[in-house]
Amino acid sequence: MHFKVPQNIDMPDRILGPLTMLQFVYAVIGGGGVYVCYMSLPSPFGIILAAIIGLFTLSMIFLKINERPFSVFLFSLFRFMSTPKQRVWQKGQSSDINVEIYKSEKTNTGPQVQPKNISREDIARVAHNIDSGKPA
């Protein structure tokens, strides 16, 4: 007995062309905002505000950043901006924390490197040769 299993079950359903339900809602709300701004505000302000709202609406519908919707990016941005960036430790606040410090055993699997004994004169000679452009 064989059954066909859908492969892309986590993809949202398309309701109108390439648009999902959420994208369609964004388009309706953004389109309404563009219409209201264009019709109710004076000419230069209405056109500018309608263009800004239209670009924002199009980015909410179609723009993806790192294969994630733009709305997820905006939510992450707002969450990042609203959370504190600095943590302050206050002595004696929590006494339930147990810290265990242990030293792990080092296992050296690579070849052993023998240190070389190089004198200051050898280093000075090599530096002089490099500075003068002479081959070693």
N, C-alpha and C. Protein backbone atom coordinates (compact mmCIF):
# COMPACT_ATOMS: atom_id res chain seq x y z
N MET A 1 0.84 -1.17 0.00
CA MET A 1 0.00 0.00 0.00
C MET A 1 0.90 1.25 0.00
N HIS A 2 0.70 2.17 -0.94
CA HIS A 2 1.50 3.38 -1.07
C HIS A 2 0.61 4.60 -0.90
N PHE A 3 1.16 5.59 -0.20
CA PHE A 3 0.46 6.85 0.00
C PHE A 3 1.34 7.99 -0.46
N LYS A 4 0.74 8.99 -1.06
CA LYS A 4 1.48 10.19 -1.44
C LYS A 4 1.49 11.15 -0.26
N VAL A 5 2.69 11.59 0.11
CA VAL A 5 2.84 12.52 1.22
C VAL A 5 3.29 13.85 0.64
N PRO A 6 2.56 14.94 0.94
CA PRO A 6 3.00 16.24 0.43
C PRO A 6 4.37 16.62 0.99
N GLN A 7 5.20 17.21 0.14
CA GLN A 7 6.56 17.54 0.54
C GLN A 7 6.67 18.92 1.17
N ASN A 8 5.84 19.84 0.77
CA ASN A 8 5.95 21.21 1.27
C ASN A 8 4.72 21.58 2.08
N ILE A 9 4.53 20.92 3.20
CA ILE A 9 3.34 21.16 4.00
C ILE A 9 3.47 22.40 4.87
N ASP A 10 4.70 22.93 5.02
CA ASP A 10 4.88 24.10 5.87
C ASP A 10 4.74 25.40 5.09
N MET A 11 4.49 25.33 3.78
CA MET A 11 4.31 26.55 2.98
C MET A 11 2.88 27.06 3.14
N PRO A 12 2.69 28.37 3.29
CA PRO A 12 1.32 28.90 3.41
C PRO A 12 0.58 28.80 2.08
N ASP A 13 -0.73 28.69 2.17
CA ASP A 13 -1.56 28.57 0.98
C ASP A 13 -1.63 29.89 0.24
N ARG A 14 -1.64 29.81 -1.08
CA ARG A 14 -1.78 30.99 -1.94
C ARG A 14 -3.26 31.20 -2.20
N ILE A 15 -3.74 32.40 -1.93
CA ILE A 15 -5.18 32.63 -2.13
C ILE A 15 -5.47 33.47 -3.37
N LEU A 16 -4.53 34.35 -3.74
CA LEU A 16 -4.78 35.22 -4.89
C LEU A 16 -3.47 35.37 -5.65
N GLY A 17 -3.31 34.62 -6.70
CA GLY A 17 -2.07 34.66 -7.46
C GLY A 17 -0.91 34.20 -6.60
N PRO A 18 0.15 35.01 -6.49
CA PRO A 18 1.29 34.59 -5.66
C PRO A 18 1.16 35.02 -4.20
N LEU A 19 0.02 35.64 -3.82
CA LEU A 19 -0.13 36.21 -2.49
C LEU A 19 -0.75 35.22 -1.51
N THR A 20 -0.17 35.17 -0.31
CA THR A 20 -0.77 34.42 0.78
C THR A 20 -1.83 35.29 1.44
N MET A 21 -2.52 34.73 2.41
CA MET A 21 -3.57 35.49 3.09
C MET A 21 -2.99 36.70 3.80
N LEU A 22 -1.86 36.54 4.49
CA LEU A 22 -1.25 37.65 5.21
C LEU A 22 -0.75 38.73 4.24
N GLN A 23 -0.16 38.33 3.12
CA GLN A 23 0.29 39.30 2.12
C GLN A 23 -0.91 40.05 1.52
N PHE A 24 -2.00 39.35 1.32
CA PHE A 24 -3.21 39.99 0.79
C PHE A 24 -3.76 41.02 1.78
N VAL A 25 -3.74 40.70 3.07
CA VAL A 25 -4.19 41.65 4.09
C VAL A 25 -3.28 42.87 4.10
N TYR A 26 -1.95 42.65 4.02
CA TYR A 26 -1.02 43.79 3.94
C TYR A 26 -1.33 44.65 2.73
N ALA A 27 -1.62 44.02 1.58
CA ALA A 27 -1.91 44.77 0.36
C ALA A 27 -3.18 45.59 0.50
N VAL A 28 -4.21 45.03 1.11
CA VAL A 28 -5.48 45.75 1.27
C VAL A 28 -5.30 46.94 2.21
N ILE A 29 -4.64 46.70 3.35
CA ILE A 29 -4.44 47.79 4.32
C ILE A 29 -3.52 48.86 3.74
N GLY A 30 -2.41 48.45 3.12
CA GLY A 30 -1.49 49.42 2.53
C GLY A 30 -2.11 50.17 1.37
N GLY A 31 -2.86 49.47 0.53
CA GLY A 31 -3.54 50.14 -0.58
C GLY A 31 -4.57 51.13 -0.09
N GLY A 32 -5.28 50.78 0.98
CA GLY A 32 -6.23 51.72 1.57
C GLY A 32 -5.53 52.94 2.13
N GLY A 33 -4.38 52.73 2.77
CA GLY A 33 -3.61 53.86 3.30
C GLY A 33 -3.10 54.77 2.20
N VAL A 34 -2.64 54.17 1.10
CA VAL A 34 -2.18 54.97 -0.04
C VAL A 34 -3.34 55.78 -0.62
N TYR A 35 -4.50 55.16 -0.77
CA TYR A 35 -5.66 55.85 -1.33
C TYR A 35 -6.10 57.02 -0.44
N VAL A 36 -6.17 56.77 0.87
CA VAL A 36 -6.61 57.83 1.79
C VAL A 36 -5.61 58.98 1.79
N CYS A 37 -4.32 58.69 1.83
CA CYS A 37 -3.32 59.77 1.83
C CYS A 37 -3.35 60.56 0.52
N TYR A 38 -3.47 59.87 -0.58
CA TYR A 38 -3.44 60.53 -1.88
C TYR A 38 -4.67 61.42 -2.08
N MET A 39 -5.83 60.94 -1.62
CA MET A 39 -7.06 61.69 -1.86
C MET A 39 -7.32 62.79 -0.83
N SER A 40 -6.82 62.63 0.41
CA SER A 40 -7.22 63.58 1.44
C SER A 40 -6.18 64.66 1.72
N LEU A 41 -4.93 64.45 1.40
CA LEU A 41 -3.90 65.44 1.69
C LEU A 41 -3.61 66.30 0.47
N PRO A 42 -3.09 67.50 0.69
CA PRO A 42 -2.74 68.36 -0.46
C PRO A 42 -1.68 67.69 -1.35
N SER A 43 -1.59 68.17 -2.57
CA SER A 43 -0.85 67.51 -3.63
C SER A 43 0.58 67.07 -3.29
N PRO A 44 1.50 67.91 -2.91
CA PRO A 44 2.86 67.37 -2.74
C PRO A 44 2.97 66.44 -1.52
N PHE A 45 2.26 66.77 -0.43
CA PHE A 45 2.35 65.94 0.77
C PHE A 45 1.65 64.60 0.59
N GLY A 46 0.52 64.62 -0.07
CA GLY A 46 -0.24 63.39 -0.29
C GLY A 46 0.51 62.41 -1.17
N ILE A 47 1.15 62.93 -2.21
CA ILE A 47 1.90 62.05 -3.12
C ILE A 47 3.12 61.47 -2.42
N ILE A 48 3.82 62.29 -1.66
CA ILE A 48 5.03 61.81 -0.96
C ILE A 48 4.65 60.76 0.09
N LEU A 49 3.63 61.05 0.90
CA LEU A 49 3.23 60.11 1.94
C LEU A 49 2.65 58.83 1.33
N ALA A 50 1.91 58.97 0.24
CA ALA A 50 1.37 57.79 -0.43
C ALA A 50 2.49 56.93 -1.00
N ALA A 51 3.54 57.56 -1.54
CA ALA A 51 4.68 56.80 -2.07
C ALA A 51 5.41 56.07 -0.94
N ILE A 52 5.58 56.72 0.21
CA ILE A 52 6.26 56.08 1.34
C ILE A 52 5.45 54.89 1.84
N ILE A 53 4.14 55.08 1.99
CA ILE A 53 3.28 53.98 2.45
C ILE A 53 3.26 52.86 1.41
N GLY A 54 3.23 53.21 0.13
CA GLY A 54 3.25 52.20 -0.92
C GLY A 54 4.53 51.39 -0.93
N LEU A 55 5.67 52.06 -0.78
CA LEU A 55 6.94 51.32 -0.73
C LEU A 55 7.03 50.42 0.50
N PHE A 56 6.55 50.93 1.63
CA PHE A 56 6.54 50.10 2.83
C PHE A 56 5.63 48.88 2.65
N THR A 57 4.47 49.10 2.04
CA THR A 57 3.54 48.00 1.79
C THR A 57 4.15 46.96 0.85
N LEU A 58 4.78 47.42 -0.22
CA LEU A 58 5.41 46.48 -1.15
C LEU A 58 6.54 45.71 -0.48
N SER A 59 7.29 46.38 0.40
CA SER A 59 8.36 45.66 1.09
C SER A 59 7.78 44.64 2.07
N MET A 60 6.68 44.96 2.73
CA MET A 60 6.05 43.99 3.63
C MET A 60 5.51 42.79 2.86
N ILE A 61 5.08 43.01 1.63
CA ILE A 61 4.51 41.91 0.84
C ILE A 61 5.59 41.06 0.19
N PHE A 62 6.57 41.69 -0.47
CA PHE A 62 7.47 40.94 -1.34
C PHE A 62 8.92 40.83 -0.87
N LEU A 63 9.38 41.74 -0.03
CA LEU A 63 10.80 41.77 0.34
C LEU A 63 11.12 40.67 1.35
N LYS A 64 12.22 39.97 1.09
CA LYS A 64 12.71 38.95 2.02
C LYS A 64 14.16 39.27 2.35
N ILE A 65 14.51 39.17 3.63
CA ILE A 65 15.88 39.38 4.08
C ILE A 65 16.34 38.06 4.68
N ASN A 66 17.38 37.49 4.11
CA ASN A 66 17.89 36.17 4.52
C ASN A 66 16.78 35.11 4.46
N GLU A 67 16.02 35.14 3.39
CA GLU A 67 14.92 34.19 3.16
C GLU A 67 13.85 34.24 4.24
N ARG A 68 13.74 35.37 4.93
CA ARG A 68 12.71 35.58 5.94
C ARG A 68 11.88 36.78 5.52
N PRO A 69 10.57 36.78 5.81
CA PRO A 69 9.74 37.93 5.43
C PRO A 69 10.20 39.20 6.13
N PHE A 70 9.93 40.33 5.50
CA PHE A 70 10.33 41.62 6.03
C PHE A 70 9.65 41.90 7.37
N SER A 71 8.45 41.37 7.59
CA SER A 71 7.76 41.58 8.86
C SER A 71 8.53 40.92 10.00
N VAL A 72 9.13 39.76 9.77
CA VAL A 72 9.94 39.11 10.80
C VAL A 72 11.17 39.96 11.09
N PHE A 73 11.77 40.54 10.05
CA PHE A 73 12.92 41.41 10.23
C PHE A 73 12.54 42.63 11.06
N LEU A 74 11.40 43.26 10.77
CA LEU A 74 10.97 44.43 11.54
C LEU A 74 10.68 44.07 12.99
N PHE A 75 10.03 42.94 13.22
CA PHE A 75 9.76 42.51 14.59
C PHE A 75 11.07 42.30 15.36
N SER A 76 12.04 41.67 14.72
CA SER A 76 13.34 41.46 15.37
C SER A 76 14.04 42.79 15.64
N LEU A 77 13.92 43.73 14.72
CA LEU A 77 14.53 45.05 14.90
C LEU A 77 13.91 45.78 16.10
N PHE A 78 12.59 45.77 16.20
CA PHE A 78 11.92 46.44 17.32
C PHE A 78 12.26 45.76 18.64
N ARG A 79 12.33 44.43 18.63
CA ARG A 79 12.69 43.71 19.86
C ARG A 79 14.12 44.03 20.26
N PHE A 80 15.03 44.11 19.29
CA PHE A 80 16.42 44.46 19.60
C PHE A 80 16.52 45.87 20.15
N MET A 81 15.77 46.82 19.57
CA MET A 81 15.83 48.20 20.01
C MET A 81 15.21 48.39 21.40
N SER A 82 14.27 47.54 21.79
CA SER A 82 13.58 47.73 23.06
C SER A 82 14.20 46.96 24.23
N THR A 83 15.12 46.04 23.96
CA THR A 83 15.73 45.30 25.06
C THR A 83 17.02 45.98 25.50
N PRO A 84 17.38 45.85 26.77
CA PRO A 84 18.61 46.48 27.24
C PRO A 84 19.85 45.82 26.63
N LYS A 85 20.88 46.63 26.39
CA LYS A 85 22.09 46.13 25.76
C LYS A 85 23.20 45.87 26.77
N GLN A 86 23.00 46.31 28.01
CA GLN A 86 24.05 46.18 29.00
C GLN A 86 23.48 45.43 30.20
N ARG A 87 24.21 44.44 30.65
CA ARG A 87 23.81 43.69 31.83
C ARG A 87 24.66 44.15 33.00
N VAL A 88 24.02 44.32 34.14
CA VAL A 88 24.71 44.79 35.33
C VAL A 88 24.64 43.70 36.39
N TRP A 89 25.79 43.30 36.88
CA TRP A 89 25.84 42.30 37.93
C TRP A 89 25.81 42.98 39.27
N GLN A 90 24.90 42.54 40.12
CA GLN A 90 24.81 43.09 41.46
C GLN A 90 25.14 41.98 42.44
N LYS A 91 26.14 42.21 43.25
CA LYS A 91 26.63 41.20 44.17
C LYS A 91 25.53 40.81 45.16
N GLY A 92 25.38 39.51 45.35
CA GLY A 92 24.44 39.01 46.34
C GLY A 92 23.01 38.89 45.87
N GLN A 93 22.73 39.11 44.60
CA GLN A 93 21.36 39.04 44.11
C GLN A 93 20.83 37.61 44.06
N SER A 94 21.62 36.68 43.50
CA SER A 94 21.12 35.31 43.41
C SER A 94 22.12 34.38 44.07
N SER A 95 21.63 33.59 44.98
CA SER A 95 22.50 32.66 45.70
C SER A 95 22.29 31.23 45.27
N ASP A 96 21.44 30.99 44.29
CA ASP A 96 21.13 29.64 43.85
C ASP A 96 22.03 29.15 42.72
N ILE A 97 23.00 29.94 42.32
CA ILE A 97 23.82 29.57 41.18
C ILE A 97 25.03 28.79 41.68
N ASN A 98 25.22 27.62 41.11
CA ASN A 98 26.38 26.79 41.41
C ASN A 98 27.28 26.78 40.19
N VAL A 99 28.53 27.11 40.39
CA VAL A 99 29.49 27.14 39.30
C VAL A 99 30.54 26.08 39.57
N GLU A 100 30.74 25.21 38.60
CA GLU A 100 31.77 24.19 38.71
C GLU A 100 32.87 24.50 37.71
N ILE A 101 34.09 24.58 38.19
CA ILE A 101 35.22 24.85 37.33
C ILE A 101 36.10 23.61 37.35
N TYR A 102 36.39 23.12 36.18
CA TYR A 102 37.26 21.95 36.08
C TYR A 102 38.22 22.15 34.93
N LYS A 103 39.32 21.48 35.03
CA LYS A 103 40.34 21.58 34.00
C LYS A 103 40.26 20.33 33.13
N SER A 104 40.05 20.55 31.85
CA SER A 104 39.96 19.41 30.95
C SER A 104 41.36 18.92 30.60
N GLU A 105 41.43 17.64 30.36
CA GLU A 105 42.72 17.05 29.99
C GLU A 105 43.00 17.39 28.53
N LYS A 106 44.21 17.84 28.28
CA LYS A 106 44.59 18.17 26.91
C LYS A 106 45.12 16.91 26.25
N THR A 107 44.62 16.65 25.09
CA THR A 107 45.12 15.53 24.30
C THR A 107 45.76 16.13 23.06
N ASN A 108 47.03 15.93 22.92
CA ASN A 108 47.76 16.48 21.79
C ASN A 108 47.91 15.40 20.74
N THR A 109 47.18 15.55 19.65
CA THR A 109 47.23 14.55 18.60
C THR A 109 48.17 14.94 17.48
N GLY A 110 48.62 16.19 17.46
CA GLY A 110 49.50 16.66 16.40
C GLY A 110 50.95 16.32 16.69
N PRO A 111 51.81 16.55 15.71
CA PRO A 111 53.23 16.27 15.90
C PRO A 111 53.84 17.25 16.90
N GLN A 112 54.81 16.79 17.63
CA GLN A 112 55.50 17.63 18.60
C GLN A 112 56.47 18.56 17.88
N VAL A 113 56.45 19.83 18.24
CA VAL A 113 57.33 20.81 17.62
C VAL A 113 58.43 21.14 18.61
N GLN A 114 59.64 21.01 18.14
CA GLN A 114 60.79 21.31 18.99
C GLN A 114 61.12 22.80 18.86
N PRO A 115 61.30 23.49 19.98
CA PRO A 115 61.67 24.91 19.89
C PRO A 115 63.08 25.06 19.34
N LYS A 116 63.29 26.10 18.54
CA LYS A 116 64.60 26.35 17.94
C LYS A 116 65.32 27.40 18.76
N ASN A 117 66.61 27.22 18.91
CA ASN A 117 67.44 28.19 19.61
C ASN A 117 68.04 29.13 18.57
N ILE A 118 67.54 30.35 18.52
CA ILE A 118 68.01 31.34 17.56
C ILE A 118 68.59 32.49 18.36
N SER A 119 69.79 32.87 18.01
CA SER A 119 70.45 33.95 18.75
C SER A 119 70.03 35.31 18.19
N ARG A 120 70.36 36.35 18.94
CA ARG A 120 70.05 37.71 18.51
C ARG A 120 70.84 38.08 17.25
N GLU A 121 72.04 37.56 17.14
CA GLU A 121 72.86 37.86 15.97
C GLU A 121 72.23 37.28 14.71
N ASP A 122 71.67 36.06 14.82
CA ASP A 122 71.01 35.45 13.66
C ASP A 122 69.80 36.28 13.23
N ILE A 123 69.03 36.75 14.19
CA ILE A 123 67.86 37.57 13.88
C ILE A 123 68.29 38.89 13.26
N ALA A 124 69.34 39.50 13.81
CA ALA A 124 69.83 40.77 13.27
C ALA A 124 70.34 40.58 11.84
N ARG A 125 71.03 39.47 11.57
CA ARG A 125 71.55 39.20 10.23
C ARG A 125 70.40 39.01 9.24
N VAL A 126 69.38 38.27 9.62
CA VAL A 126 68.24 38.04 8.73
C VAL A 126 67.50 39.36 8.48
N ALA A 127 67.33 40.17 9.52
CA ALA A 127 66.66 41.46 9.36
C ALA A 127 67.47 42.37 8.44
N HIS A 128 68.79 42.36 8.57
CA HIS A 128 69.64 43.18 7.71
C HIS A 128 69.54 42.72 6.26
N ASN A 129 69.51 41.41 6.04
CA ASN A 129 69.38 40.88 4.68
C ASN A 129 68.03 41.24 4.07
N ILE A 130 66.99 41.20 4.87
CA ILE A 130 65.65 41.55 4.35
C ILE A 130 65.60 43.03 4.01
N ASP A 131 66.15 43.87 4.91
CA ASP A 131 66.13 45.32 4.67
C ASP A 131 66.96 45.71 3.46
N SER A 132 68.08 45.04 3.25
CA SER A 132 68.95 45.40 2.12
C SER A 132 68.53 44.73 0.82
N GLY A 133 67.61 43.76 0.89
CA GLY A 133 67.13 43.11 -0.32
C GLY A 133 68.00 41.98 -0.79
N LYS A 134 68.94 41.55 0.02
CA LYS A 134 69.82 40.44 -0.35
C LYS A 134 69.08 39.13 -0.13
N PRO A 135 69.34 38.14 -1.00
CA PRO A 135 68.72 36.82 -0.77
C PRO A 135 69.37 36.14 0.44
N ALA A 136 68.62 35.30 1.11
CA ALA A 136 69.11 34.65 2.32
C ALA A 136 70.17 33.63 2.05
